[in-house]
Amino acid sequence: MLEEYLTAAGIADDPKGALFRTARGRSQVLQPTRLLRSNAWDIVQRRAKNAGIQAKITNHTFRATGITAYLKSDGKLEHAQAMAAHSSTHTTQLYDRRSARR
Protein backbone atom coordinates (compact mmCIF):
# COMPACT_ATOMS: atom_id res chain seq x y z
CA MET A 1 0.00 0.00 0.00
CA LEU A 2 2.83 2.36 0.78
CA GLU A 3 4.39 1.78 -2.62
CA GLU A 4 1.03 2.46 -4.27
CA TYR A 5 0.73 5.72 -2.31
CA LEU A 6 4.25 6.82 -3.26
CA THR A 7 3.54 6.12 -6.94
CA ALA A 8 0.10 7.74 -6.94
CA ALA A 9 1.46 10.80 -5.12
CA GLY A 10 4.29 11.06 -7.63
CA ILE A 11 6.96 11.03 -4.92
CA ALA A 12 8.42 7.54 -5.37
CA ASP A 13 11.59 9.01 -6.89
CA ASP A 14 12.18 11.34 -3.95
CA PRO A 15 13.38 9.06 -1.11
CA LYS A 16 14.66 11.96 1.01
CA GLY A 17 11.53 14.06 0.62
CA ALA A 18 8.64 14.30 3.06
CA LEU A 19 6.30 11.32 3.07
CA PHE A 20 3.20 13.40 3.82
CA ARG A 21 3.19 16.74 2.03
CA THR A 22 1.16 19.88 1.77
CA ALA A 23 -0.96 20.80 -1.23
CA ARG A 24 -1.42 24.36 -2.43
CA GLY A 25 -5.03 25.36 -1.76
CA ARG A 26 -7.43 22.84 -3.22
CA SER A 27 -5.16 22.12 -6.19
CA GLN A 28 -4.35 18.57 -5.03
CA VAL A 29 -0.82 19.17 -6.34
CA LEU A 30 1.66 18.09 -3.69
CA GLN A 31 4.35 20.53 -2.65
CA PRO A 32 7.81 19.52 -1.36
CA THR A 33 7.01 20.88 2.12
CA ARG A 34 6.01 18.43 4.82
CA LEU A 35 2.52 18.30 6.26
CA LEU A 36 2.49 19.73 9.78
CA ARG A 37 1.11 17.67 12.65
CA SER A 38 -1.64 20.21 13.29
CA ASN A 39 -2.70 20.05 9.62
CA ALA A 40 -2.83 16.25 9.78
CA TRP A 41 -4.99 16.52 12.90
CA ASP A 42 -7.38 18.89 11.08
CA ILE A 43 -7.62 16.51 8.12
CA VAL A 44 -8.45 13.53 10.34
CA GLN A 45 -11.09 15.52 12.24
CA ARG A 46 -12.67 16.82 9.04
CA ARG A 47 -12.79 13.36 7.44
CA ALA A 48 -14.28 11.81 10.61
CA LYS A 49 -16.97 14.48 10.74
CA ASN A 50 -17.77 14.05 7.03
CA ALA A 51 -18.04 10.28 7.59
CA GLY A 52 -20.55 10.87 10.37
CA ILE A 53 -18.24 9.55 13.10
CA GLN A 54 -19.33 11.05 16.40
CA ALA A 55 -16.62 9.46 18.56
CA LYS A 56 -13.50 11.42 19.45
CA ILE A 57 -10.72 10.43 17.03
CA THR A 58 -7.03 10.85 17.93
CA ASN A 59 -3.71 9.45 16.76
CA HIS A 60 -4.10 6.88 19.55
CA THR A 61 -7.34 5.71 17.93
CA PHE A 62 -5.39 4.56 14.89
CA ARG A 63 -2.66 3.00 17.01
CA ALA A 64 -5.21 1.11 19.10
CA THR A 65 -7.10 -0.02 15.99
CA GLY A 66 -3.93 -1.32 14.35
CA ILE A 67 -2.68 -3.13 17.45
CA THR A 68 -6.10 -4.62 18.15
CA ALA A 69 -6.55 -5.81 14.54
CA TYR A 70 -3.10 -7.38 14.60
CA LEU A 71 -3.76 -9.19 17.87
CA LYS A 72 -7.21 -10.34 16.69
CA SER A 73 -5.43 -11.96 13.74
CA ASP A 74 -3.43 -14.11 16.16
CA GLY A 75 -0.49 -11.71 16.16
CA LYS A 76 1.97 -11.94 19.02
CA LEU A 77 1.99 -9.23 21.68
CA GLU A 78 5.79 -9.01 21.50
CA HIS A 79 5.61 -8.35 17.74
CA ALA A 80 2.95 -5.68 18.26
CA GLN A 81 5.23 -4.12 20.88
CA ALA A 82 8.09 -3.97 18.39
CA MET A 83 5.91 -2.52 15.62
CA ALA A 84 4.61 0.17 17.97
CA ALA A 85 8.13 0.87 19.27
CA HIS A 86 7.00 0.43 22.86
CA SER A 87 9.64 -0.29 25.50
CA SER A 88 7.24 -2.51 27.44
CA THR A 89 4.49 -4.99 26.52
CA HIS A 90 2.45 -3.33 29.29
CA THR A 91 2.26 -0.16 27.18
CA THR A 92 1.20 -2.17 24.13
CA GLN A 93 -1.54 -3.84 26.17
CA LEU A 94 -3.01 -0.41 26.90
CA TYR A 95 -3.83 -0.15 23.18
CA ASP A 96 -5.42 -3.62 22.97
CA ARG A 97 -9.19 -3.11 22.56
CA ARG A 98 -10.16 -6.76 22.04
CA SER A 99 -12.16 -6.82 25.27
CA ALA A 100 -13.88 -3.46 24.69
CA ARG A 101 -17.66 -3.62 24.61
CA ARG A 102 -19.64 -2.27 21.68
PDB file of N, CA and C in Angstrom:
ATOM      1  N   MET A   1       0.821  -1.193   0.000  1.00  0.00           N
ATOM      2  CA  MET A   1       0.000   0.000   0.000  1.00  0.00           C
ATOM      3  C   MET A   1       0.867   1.259   0.000  1.00  0.00           C
ATOM      4  N   LEU A   2       1.952   1.198   0.726  1.00  0.00           N
ATOM      5  CA  LEU A   2       2.831   2.362   0.780  1.00  0.00           C
ATOM      6  C   LEU A   2       3.437   2.635  -0.586  1.00  0.00           C
ATOM      7  N   GLU A   3       3.842   1.593  -1.282  1.00  0.00           N
ATOM      8  CA  GLU A   3       4.394   1.781  -2.623  1.00  0.00           C
ATOM      9  C   GLU A   3       3.357   2.364  -3.570  1.00  0.00           C
ATOM     10  N   GLU A   4       2.104   1.918  -3.437  1.00  0.00           N
ATOM     11  CA  GLU A   4       1.029   2.462  -4.270  1.00  0.00           C
ATOM     12  C   GLU A   4       0.824   3.945  -3.975  1.00  0.00           C
ATOM     13  N   TYR A   5       0.875   4.313  -2.692  1.00  0.00           N
ATOM     14  CA  TYR A   5       0.731   5.718  -2.313  1.00  0.00           C
ATOM     15  C   TYR A   5       1.860   6.549  -2.902  1.00  0.00           C
ATOM     16  N   LEU A   6       3.093   6.069  -2.752  1.00  0.00           N
ATOM     17  CA  LEU A   6       4.247   6.816  -3.265  1.00  0.00           C
ATOM     18  C   LEU A   6       4.139   7.035  -4.770  1.00  0.00           C
ATOM     19  N   THR A   7       3.696   6.012  -5.488  1.00  0.00           N
ATOM     20  CA  THR A   7       3.543   6.116  -6.940  1.00  0.00           C
ATOM     21  C   THR A   7       2.408   7.070  -7.295  1.00  0.00           C
ATOM     22  N   ALA A   8       1.254   6.891  -6.642  1.00  0.00           N
ATOM     23  CA  ALA A   8       0.100   7.742  -6.937  1.00  0.00           C
ATOM     24  C   ALA A   8       0.375   9.202  -6.593  1.00  0.00           C
ATOM     25  N   ALA A   9       1.134   9.430  -5.528  1.00  0.00           N
ATOM     26  CA  ALA A   9       1.460  10.801  -5.117  1.00  0.00           C
ATOM     27  C   ALA A   9       2.560  11.404  -5.977  1.00  0.00           C
ATOM     28  N   GLY A  10       3.221  10.563  -6.774  1.00  0.00           N
ATOM     29  CA  GLY A  10       4.291  11.056  -7.634  1.00  0.00           C
ATOM     30  C   GLY A  10       5.567  11.381  -6.880  1.00  0.00           C
ATOM     31  N   ILE A  11       5.775  10.735  -5.735  1.00  0.00           N
ATOM     32  CA  ILE A  11       6.955  11.028  -4.924  1.00  0.00           C
ATOM     33  C   ILE A  11       7.856   9.810  -4.738  1.00  0.00           C
ATOM     34  N   ALA A  12       7.632   8.764  -5.499  1.00  0.00           N
ATOM     35  CA  ALA A  12       8.423   7.538  -5.370  1.00  0.00           C
ATOM     36  C   ALA A  12       9.900   7.773  -5.672  1.00  0.00           C
ATOM     37  N   ASP A  13      10.204   8.731  -6.514  1.00  0.00           N
ATOM     38  CA  ASP A  13      11.591   9.007  -6.888  1.00  0.00           C
ATOM     39  C   ASP A  13      12.264  10.053  -6.000  1.00  0.00           C
ATOM     40  N   ASP A  14      11.643  10.344  -4.871  1.00  0.00           N
ATOM     41  CA  ASP A  14      12.184  11.345  -3.948  1.00  0.00           C
ATOM     42  C   ASP A  14      12.326  10.731  -2.555  1.00  0.00           C
ATOM     43  N   PRO A  15      13.278   9.799  -2.379  1.00  0.00           N
ATOM     44  CA  PRO A  15      13.382   9.059  -1.111  1.00  0.00           C
ATOM     45  C   PRO A  15      13.740   9.921   0.097  1.00  0.00           C
ATOM     46  N   LYS A  16      14.297  11.094  -0.116  1.00  0.00           N
ATOM     47  CA  LYS A  16      14.659  11.960   1.011  1.00  0.00           C
ATOM     48  C   LYS A  16      13.598  13.024   1.285  1.00  0.00           C
ATOM     49  N   GLY A  17      12.586  13.071   0.443  1.00  0.00           N
ATOM     50  CA  GLY A  17      11.529  14.064   0.617  1.00  0.00           C
ATOM     51  C   GLY A  17      10.537  13.639   1.682  1.00  0.00           C
ATOM     52  N   ALA A  18       9.671  14.573   2.051  1.00  0.00           N
ATOM     53  CA  ALA A  18       8.644  14.305   3.061  1.00  0.00           C
ATOM     54  C   ALA A  18       7.667  13.255   2.551  1.00  0.00           C
ATOM     55  N   LEU A  19       7.260  12.363   3.433  1.00  0.00           N
ATOM     56  CA  LEU A  19       6.304  11.324   3.069  1.00  0.00           C
ATOM     57  C   LEU A  19       4.900  11.913   2.918  1.00  0.00           C
ATOM     58  N   PHE A  20       4.508  12.743   3.872  1.00  0.00           N
ATOM     59  CA  PHE A  20       3.204  13.400   3.820  1.00  0.00           C
ATOM     60  C   PHE A  20       3.452  14.880   3.584  1.00  0.00           C
ATOM     61  N   ARG A  21       2.875  15.392   2.497  1.00  0.00           N
ATOM     62  CA  ARG A  21       3.193  16.736   2.029  1.00  0.00           C
ATOM     63  C   ARG A  21       1.964  17.625   1.954  1.00  0.00           C
ATOM     64  N   THR A  22       2.240  18.903   1.899  1.00  0.00           N
ATOM     65  CA  THR A  22       1.163  19.877   1.768  1.00  0.00           C
ATOM     66  C   THR A  22       0.729  19.962   0.307  1.00  0.00           C
ATOM     67  N   ALA A  23      -0.463  20.501   0.114  1.00  0.00           N
ATOM     68  CA  ALA A  23      -0.960  20.801  -1.229  1.00  0.00           C
ATOM     69  C   ALA A  23      -1.358  22.269  -1.242  1.00  0.00           C
ATOM     70  N   ARG A  24      -1.094  22.942  -2.327  1.00  0.00           N
ATOM     71  CA  ARG A  24      -1.422  24.362  -2.428  1.00  0.00           C
ATOM     72  C   ARG A  24      -2.930  24.511  -2.638  1.00  0.00           C
ATOM     73  N   GLY A  25      -3.586  25.139  -1.669  1.00  0.00           N
ATOM     74  CA  GLY A  25      -5.032  25.358  -1.756  1.00  0.00           C
ATOM     75  C   GLY A  25      -5.775  24.047  -1.971  1.00  0.00           C
ATOM     76  N   ARG A  26      -6.675  24.056  -2.897  1.00  0.00           N
ATOM     77  CA  ARG A  26      -7.432  22.836  -3.222  1.00  0.00           C
ATOM     78  C   ARG A  26      -6.951  22.223  -4.533  1.00  0.00           C
ATOM     79  N   SER A  27      -5.709  22.551  -4.902  1.00  0.00           N
ATOM     80  CA  SER A  27      -5.163  22.121  -6.192  1.00  0.00           C
ATOM     81  C   SER A  27      -4.876  20.627  -6.258  1.00  0.00           C
ATOM     82  N   GLN A  28      -4.702  19.985  -5.112  1.00  0.00           N
ATOM     83  CA  GLN A  28      -4.349  18.571  -5.032  1.00  0.00           C
ATOM     84  C   GLN A  28      -2.979  18.285  -5.642  1.00  0.00           C
ATOM     85  N   VAL A  29      -2.189  19.329  -5.855  1.00  0.00           N
ATOM     86  CA  VAL A  29      -0.822  19.169  -6.338  1.00  0.00           C
ATOM     87  C   VAL A  29       0.093  19.233  -5.121  1.00  0.00           C
ATOM     88  N   LEU A  30       0.809  18.137  -4.866  1.00  0.00           N
ATOM     89  CA  LEU A  30       1.657  18.088  -3.694  1.00  0.00           C
ATOM     90  C   LEU A  30       2.863  18.994  -3.825  1.00  0.00           C
ATOM     91  N   GLN A  31       3.195  19.652  -2.741  1.00  0.00           N
ATOM     92  CA  GLN A  31       4.354  20.530  -2.654  1.00  0.00           C
ATOM     93  C   GLN A  31       5.482  19.759  -1.953  1.00  0.00           C
ATOM     94  N   PRO A  32       6.706  20.227  -2.025  1.00  0.00           N
ATOM     95  CA  PRO A  32       7.807  19.523  -1.355  1.00  0.00           C
ATOM     96  C   PRO A  32       7.808  19.693   0.164  1.00  0.00           C
ATOM     97  N   THR A  33       7.019  20.639   0.678  1.00  0.00           N
ATOM     98  CA  THR A  33       7.014  20.881   2.123  1.00  0.00           C
ATOM     99  C   THR A  33       6.198  19.824   2.855  1.00  0.00           C
ATOM    100  N   ARG A  34       6.670  19.482   4.045  1.00  0.00           N
ATOM    101  CA  ARG A  34       6.005  18.433   4.818  1.00  0.00           C
ATOM    102  C   ARG A  34       4.701  18.931   5.425  1.00  0.00           C
ATOM    103  N   LEU A  35       3.787  18.007   5.619  1.00  0.00           N
ATOM    104  CA  LEU A  35       2.522  18.303   6.263  1.00  0.00           C
ATOM    105  C   LEU A  35       2.764  18.437   7.761  1.00  0.00           C
ATOM    106  N   LEU A  36       2.320  19.517   8.344  1.00  0.00           N
ATOM    107  CA  LEU A  36       2.492  19.730   9.777  1.00  0.00           C
ATOM    108  C   LEU A  36       1.527  18.849  10.568  1.00  0.00           C
ATOM    109  N   ARG A  37       1.929  18.511  11.775  1.00  0.00           N
ATOM    110  CA  ARG A  37       1.112  17.671  12.653  1.00  0.00           C
ATOM    111  C   ARG A  37      -0.279  18.266  12.856  1.00  0.00           C
ATOM    112  N   SER A  38      -0.343  19.565  13.062  1.00  0.00           N
ATOM    113  CA  SER A  38      -1.644  20.211  13.286  1.00  0.00           C
ATOM    114  C   SER A  38      -2.531  20.117  12.045  1.00  0.00           C
ATOM    115  N   ASN A  39      -1.926  20.197  10.849  1.00  0.00           N
ATOM    116  CA  ASN A  39      -2.698  20.046   9.617  1.00  0.00           C
ATOM    117  C   ASN A  39      -3.221  18.623   9.470  1.00  0.00           C
ATOM    118  N   ALA A  40      -2.397  17.651   9.829  1.00  0.00           N
ATOM    119  CA  ALA A  40      -2.834  16.248   9.775  1.00  0.00           C
ATOM    120  C   ALA A  40      -4.001  16.031  10.722  1.00  0.00           C
ATOM    121  N   TRP A  41      -3.916  16.624  11.907  1.00  0.00           N
ATOM    122  CA  TRP A  41      -4.993  16.516  12.903  1.00  0.00           C
ATOM    123  C   TRP A  41      -6.289  17.091  12.323  1.00  0.00           C
ATOM    124  N   ASP A  42      -6.199  18.259  11.684  1.00  0.00           N
ATOM    125  CA  ASP A  42      -7.377  18.892  11.077  1.00  0.00           C
ATOM    126  C   ASP A  42      -7.983  18.006   9.997  1.00  0.00           C
ATOM    127  N   ILE A  43      -7.139  17.390   9.190  1.00  0.00           N
ATOM    128  CA  ILE A  43      -7.622  16.512   8.117  1.00  0.00           C
ATOM    129  C   ILE A  43      -8.380  15.324   8.700  1.00  0.00           C
ATOM    130  N   VAL A  44      -7.807  14.699   9.715  1.00  0.00           N
ATOM    131  CA  VAL A  44      -8.453  13.535  10.343  1.00  0.00           C
ATOM    132  C   VAL A  44      -9.801  13.943  10.941  1.00  0.00           C
ATOM    133  N   GLN A  45      -9.831  15.065  11.630  1.00  0.00           N
ATOM    134  CA  GLN A  45     -11.087  15.516  12.242  1.00  0.00           C
ATOM    135  C   GLN A  45     -12.140  15.833  11.186  1.00  0.00           C
ATOM    136  N   ARG A  46     -11.742  16.476  10.112  1.00  0.00           N
ATOM    137  CA  ARG A  46     -12.672  16.824   9.035  1.00  0.00           C
ATOM    138  C   ARG A  46     -13.228  15.568   8.361  1.00  0.00           C
ATOM    139  N   ARG A  47     -12.347  14.594   8.089  1.00  0.00           N
ATOM    140  CA  ARG A  47     -12.791  13.359   7.445  1.00  0.00           C
ATOM    141  C   ARG A  47     -13.724  12.557   8.356  1.00  0.00           C
ATOM    142  N   ALA A  48     -13.417  12.521   9.657  1.00  0.00           N
ATOM    143  CA  ALA A  48     -14.275  11.809  10.608  1.00  0.00           C
ATOM    144  C   ALA A  48     -15.660  12.453  10.657  1.00  0.00           C
ATOM    145  N   LYS A  49     -15.685  13.768  10.715  1.00  0.00           N
ATOM    146  CA  LYS A  49     -16.965  14.483  10.741  1.00  0.00           C
ATOM    147  C   LYS A  49     -17.762  14.217   9.467  1.00  0.00           C
ATOM    148  N   ASN A  50     -17.096  14.296   8.307  1.00  0.00           N
ATOM    149  CA  ASN A  50     -17.771  14.048   7.027  1.00  0.00           C
ATOM    150  C   ASN A  50     -18.286  12.622   6.914  1.00  0.00           C
ATOM    151  N   ALA A  51     -17.620  11.689   7.607  1.00  0.00           N
ATOM    152  CA  ALA A  51     -18.045  10.283   7.587  1.00  0.00           C
ATOM    153  C   ALA A  51     -19.143  10.009   8.611  1.00  0.00           C
ATOM    154  N   GLY A  52     -19.499  11.029   9.383  1.00  0.00           N
ATOM    155  CA  GLY A  52     -20.551  10.866  10.375  1.00  0.00           C
ATOM    156  C   GLY A  52     -20.084  10.195  11.657  1.00  0.00           C
ATOM    157  N   ILE A  53     -18.782  10.164  11.887  1.00  0.00           N
ATOM    158  CA  ILE A  53     -18.244   9.551  13.099  1.00  0.00           C
ATOM    159  C   ILE A  53     -18.372  10.551  14.237  1.00  0.00           C
ATOM    160  N   GLN A  54     -19.097  10.164  15.260  1.00  0.00           N
ATOM    161  CA  GLN A  54     -19.334  11.054  16.395  1.00  0.00           C
ATOM    162  C   GLN A  54     -18.271  10.895  17.486  1.00  0.00           C
ATOM    163  N   ALA A  55     -17.611   9.735  17.520  1.00  0.00           N
ATOM    164  CA  ALA A  55     -16.617   9.458  18.557  1.00  0.00           C
ATOM    165  C   ALA A  55     -15.401  10.356  18.383  1.00  0.00           C
ATOM    166  N   LYS A  56     -14.734  10.634  19.501  1.00  0.00           N
ATOM    167  CA  LYS A  56     -13.503  11.418  19.452  1.00  0.00           C
ATOM    168  C   LYS A  56     -12.417  10.580  18.784  1.00  0.00           C
ATOM    169  N   ILE A  57     -11.766  11.128  17.782  1.00  0.00           N
ATOM    170  CA  ILE A  57     -10.723  10.433  17.034  1.00  0.00           C
ATOM    171  C   ILE A  57      -9.389  11.116  17.336  1.00  0.00           C
ATOM    172  N   THR A  58      -8.380  10.327  17.680  1.00  0.00           N
ATOM    173  CA  THR A  58      -7.033  10.853  17.927  1.00  0.00           C
ATOM    174  C   THR A  58      -6.018   9.941  17.250  1.00  0.00           C
ATOM    175  N   ASN A  59      -4.745  10.318  17.317  1.00  0.00           N
ATOM    176  CA  ASN A  59      -3.714   9.449  16.763  1.00  0.00           C
ATOM    177  C   ASN A  59      -3.688   8.115  17.509  1.00  0.00           C
ATOM    178  N   HIS A  60      -4.068   8.120  18.773  1.00  0.00           N
ATOM    179  CA  HIS A  60      -4.102   6.881  19.550  1.00  0.00           C
ATOM    180  C   HIS A  60      -5.223   5.955  19.078  1.00  0.00           C
ATOM    181  N   THR A  61      -6.265   6.527  18.488  1.00  0.00           N
ATOM    182  CA  THR A  61      -7.343   5.709  17.933  1.00  0.00           C
ATOM    183  C   THR A  61      -6.793   4.797  16.846  1.00  0.00           C
ATOM    184  N   PHE A  62      -5.976   5.340  15.972  1.00  0.00           N
ATOM    185  CA  PHE A  62      -5.395   4.555  14.887  1.00  0.00           C
ATOM    186  C   PHE A  62      -4.412   3.526  15.425  1.00  0.00           C
ATOM    187  N   ARG A  63      -3.628   3.915  16.409  1.00  0.00           N
ATOM    188  CA  ARG A  63      -2.655   2.996  17.006  1.00  0.00           C
ATOM    189  C   ARG A  63      -3.397   1.839  17.668  1.00  0.00           C
ATOM    190  N   ALA A  64      -4.434   2.151  18.428  1.00  0.00           N
ATOM    191  CA  ALA A  64      -5.208   1.109  19.098  1.00  0.00           C
ATOM    192  C   ALA A  64      -5.904   0.197  18.089  1.00  0.00           C
ATOM    193  N   THR A  65      -6.435   0.779  17.024  1.00  0.00           N
ATOM    194  CA  THR A  65      -7.101  -0.017  15.993  1.00  0.00           C
ATOM    195  C   THR A  65      -6.118  -0.973  15.327  1.00  0.00           C
ATOM    196  N   GLY A  66      -4.945  -0.478  14.992  1.00  0.00           N
ATOM    197  CA  GLY A  66      -3.929  -1.320  14.351  1.00  0.00           C
ATOM    198  C   GLY A  66      -3.452  -2.435  15.256  1.00  0.00           C
ATOM    199  N   ILE A  67      -3.150  -2.113  16.497  1.00  0.00           N
ATOM    200  CA  ILE A  67      -2.678  -3.129  17.445  1.00  0.00           C
ATOM    201  C   ILE A  67      -3.771  -4.162  17.694  1.00  0.00           C
ATOM    202  N   THR A  68      -4.993  -3.702  17.893  1.00  0.00           N
ATOM    203  CA  THR A  68      -6.100  -4.621  18.145  1.00  0.00           C
ATOM    204  C   THR A  68      -6.339  -5.537  16.949  1.00  0.00           C
ATOM    205  N   ALA A  69      -6.347  -4.988  15.742  1.00  0.00           N
ATOM    206  CA  ALA A  69      -6.554  -5.806  14.542  1.00  0.00           C
ATOM    207  C   ALA A  69      -5.453  -6.852  14.416  1.00  0.00           C
ATOM    208  N   TYR A  70      -4.221  -6.442  14.673  1.00  0.00           N
ATOM    209  CA  TYR A  70      -3.097  -7.377  14.596  1.00  0.00           C
ATOM    210  C   TYR A  70      -3.261  -8.506  15.612  1.00  0.00           C
ATOM    211  N   LEU A  71      -3.608  -8.164  16.832  1.00  0.00           N
ATOM    212  CA  LEU A  71      -3.760  -9.189  17.872  1.00  0.00           C
ATOM    213  C   LEU A  71      -4.968 -10.084  17.613  1.00  0.00           C
ATOM    214  N   LYS A  72      -6.038  -9.525  17.046  1.00  0.00           N
ATOM    215  CA  LYS A  72      -7.212 -10.335  16.688  1.00  0.00           C
ATOM    216  C   LYS A  72      -6.876 -11.350  15.603  1.00  0.00           C
ATOM    217  N   SER A  73      -5.861 -11.048  14.813  1.00  0.00           N
ATOM    218  CA  SER A  73      -5.434 -11.955  13.741  1.00  0.00           C
ATOM    219  C   SER A  73      -4.359 -12.914  14.228  1.00  0.00           C
ATOM    220  N   ASP A  74      -4.378 -13.189  15.514  1.00  0.00           N
ATOM    221  CA  ASP A  74      -3.426 -14.114  16.155  1.00  0.00           C
ATOM    222  C   ASP A  74      -1.995 -13.605  16.139  1.00  0.00           C
ATOM    223  N   GLY A  75      -1.828 -12.291  16.065  1.00  0.00           N
ATOM    224  CA  GLY A  75      -0.492 -11.712  16.158  1.00  0.00           C
ATOM    225  C   GLY A  75       0.036 -11.842  17.578  1.00  0.00           C
ATOM    226  N   LYS A  76       1.307 -11.817  17.720  1.00  0.00           N
ATOM    227  CA  LYS A  76       1.966 -11.943  19.022  1.00  0.00           C
ATOM    228  C   LYS A  76       2.138 -10.560  19.655  1.00  0.00           C
ATOM    229  N   LEU A  77       1.875 -10.485  20.954  1.00  0.00           N
ATOM    230  CA  LEU A  77       1.994  -9.230  21.684  1.00  0.00           C
ATOM    231  C   LEU A  77       3.395  -8.635  21.548  1.00  0.00           C
ATOM    232  N   GLU A  78       4.405  -9.489  21.600  1.00  0.00           N
ATOM    233  CA  GLU A  78       5.787  -9.015  21.497  1.00  0.00           C
ATOM    234  C   GLU A  78       6.060  -8.381  20.132  1.00  0.00           C
ATOM    235  N   HIS A  79       5.439  -8.926  19.083  1.00  0.00           N
ATOM    236  CA  HIS A  79       5.612  -8.353  17.744  1.00  0.00           C
ATOM    237  C   HIS A  79       4.882  -7.006  17.644  1.00  0.00           C
ATOM    238  N   ALA A  80       3.687  -6.938  18.243  1.00  0.00           N
ATOM    239  CA  ALA A  80       2.946  -5.677  18.260  1.00  0.00           C
ATOM    240  C   ALA A  80       3.747  -4.617  19.018  1.00  0.00           C
ATOM    241  N   GLN A  81       4.383  -5.024  20.101  1.00  0.00           N
ATOM    242  CA  GLN A  81       5.229  -4.119  20.884  1.00  0.00           C
ATOM    243  C   GLN A  81       6.344  -3.546  20.018  1.00  0.00           C
ATOM    244  N   ALA A  82       6.993  -4.415  19.260  1.00  0.00           N
ATOM    245  CA  ALA A  82       8.095  -3.972  18.394  1.00  0.00           C
ATOM    246  C   ALA A  82       7.588  -3.032  17.300  1.00  0.00           C
ATOM    247  N   MET A  83       6.457  -3.364  16.682  1.00  0.00           N
ATOM    248  CA  MET A  83       5.908  -2.518  15.623  1.00  0.00           C
ATOM    249  C   MET A  83       5.519  -1.141  16.149  1.00  0.00           C
ATOM    250  N   ALA A  84       5.033  -1.096  17.382  1.00  0.00           N
ATOM    251  CA  ALA A  84       4.613   0.171  17.975  1.00  0.00           C
ATOM    252  C   ALA A  84       5.771   0.915  18.628  1.00  0.00           C
ATOM    253  N   ALA A  85       6.937   0.294  18.648  1.00  0.00           N
ATOM    254  CA  ALA A  85       8.130   0.869  19.270  1.00  0.00           C
ATOM    255  C   ALA A  85       7.917   1.187  20.745  1.00  0.00           C
ATOM    256  N   HIS A  86       7.199   0.282  21.425  1.00  0.00           N
ATOM    257  CA  HIS A  86       6.997   0.432  22.857  1.00  0.00           C
ATOM    258  C   HIS A  86       8.145  -0.247  23.599  1.00  0.00           C
ATOM    259  N   SER A  87       8.566   0.316  24.718  1.00  0.00           N
ATOM    260  CA  SER A  87       9.645  -0.286  25.496  1.00  0.00           C
ATOM    261  C   SER A  87       9.140  -1.412  26.386  1.00  0.00           C
ATOM    262  N   SER A  88       7.823  -1.499  26.558  1.00  0.00           N
ATOM    263  CA  SER A  88       7.244  -2.508  27.439  1.00  0.00           C
ATOM    264  C   SER A  88       5.974  -3.082  26.814  1.00  0.00           C
ATOM    265  N   THR A  89       5.743  -4.391  27.003  1.00  0.00           N
ATOM    266  CA  THR A  89       4.493  -4.987  26.524  1.00  0.00           C
ATOM    267  C   THR A  89       3.304  -4.424  27.294  1.00  0.00           C
ATOM    268  N   HIS A  90       3.540  -3.941  28.508  1.00  0.00           N
ATOM    269  CA  HIS A  90       2.454  -3.326  29.288  1.00  0.00           C
ATOM    270  C   HIS A  90       1.865  -2.134  28.531  1.00  0.00           C
ATOM    271  N   THR A  91       2.726  -1.315  27.948  1.00  0.00           N
ATOM    272  CA  THR A  91       2.258  -0.159  27.180  1.00  0.00           C
ATOM    273  C   THR A  91       1.442  -0.625  25.980  1.00  0.00           C
ATOM    274  N   THR A  92       1.921  -1.647  25.289  1.00  0.00           N
ATOM    275  CA  THR A  92       1.199  -2.172  24.129  1.00  0.00           C
ATOM    276  C   THR A  92      -0.173  -2.685  24.542  1.00  0.00           C
ATOM    277  N   GLN A  93      -0.262  -3.323  25.693  1.00  0.00           N
ATOM    278  CA  GLN A  93      -1.538  -3.843  26.169  1.00  0.00           C
ATOM    279  C   GLN A  93      -2.559  -2.733  26.421  1.00  0.00           C
ATOM    280  N   LEU A  94      -2.089  -1.531  26.701  1.00  0.00           N
ATOM    281  CA  LEU A  94      -3.007  -0.409  26.902  1.00  0.00           C
ATOM    282  C   LEU A  94      -3.766  -0.062  25.620  1.00  0.00           C
ATOM    283  N   TYR A  95      -3.203  -0.423  24.475  1.00  0.00           N
ATOM    284  CA  TYR A  95      -3.827  -0.155  23.177  1.00  0.00           C
ATOM    285  C   TYR A  95      -4.654  -1.327  22.659  1.00  0.00           C
ATOM    286  N   ASP A  96      -4.672  -2.420  23.374  1.00  0.00           N
ATOM    287  CA  ASP A  96      -5.418  -3.625  22.969  1.00  0.00           C
ATOM    288  C   ASP A  96      -6.892  -3.438  23.343  1.00  0.00           C
ATOM    289  N   ARG A  97      -7.746  -3.349  22.338  1.00  0.00           N
ATOM    290  CA  ARG A  97      -9.186  -3.112  22.563  1.00  0.00           C
ATOM    291  C   ARG A  97     -10.040  -4.370  22.315  1.00  0.00           C
ATOM    292  N   ARG A  98      -9.399  -5.543  22.323  1.00  0.00           N
ATOM    293  CA  ARG A  98     -10.164  -6.759  22.038  1.00  0.00           C
ATOM    294  C   ARG A  98     -11.284  -7.002  23.037  1.00  0.00           C
ATOM    295  N   SER A  99     -11.121  -6.573  24.264  1.00  0.00           N
ATOM    296  CA  SER A  99     -12.158  -6.823  25.266  1.00  0.00           C
ATOM    297  C   SER A  99     -13.144  -5.668  25.410  1.00  0.00           C
ATOM    298  N   ALA A 100     -12.984  -4.639  24.609  1.00  0.00           N
ATOM    299  CA  ALA A 100     -13.882  -3.462  24.691  1.00  0.00           C
ATOM    300  C   ALA A 100     -15.281  -3.849  24.253  1.00  0.00           C
ATOM    301  N   ARG A 101     -16.255  -3.350  24.961  1.00  0.00           N
ATOM    302  CA  ARG A 101     -17.658  -3.618  24.609  1.00  0.00           C
ATOM    303  C   ARG A 101     -18.129  -2.659  23.545  1.00  0.00           C
ATOM    304  N   ARG A 102     -19.035  -3.125  22.717  1.00  0.00           N
ATOM    305  CA  ARG A 102     -19.637  -2.271  21.682  1.00  0.00           C
ATOM    306  C   ARG A 102     -21.114  -2.281  21.856  1.00  0.00           C
TER     307      ARG A 102
END
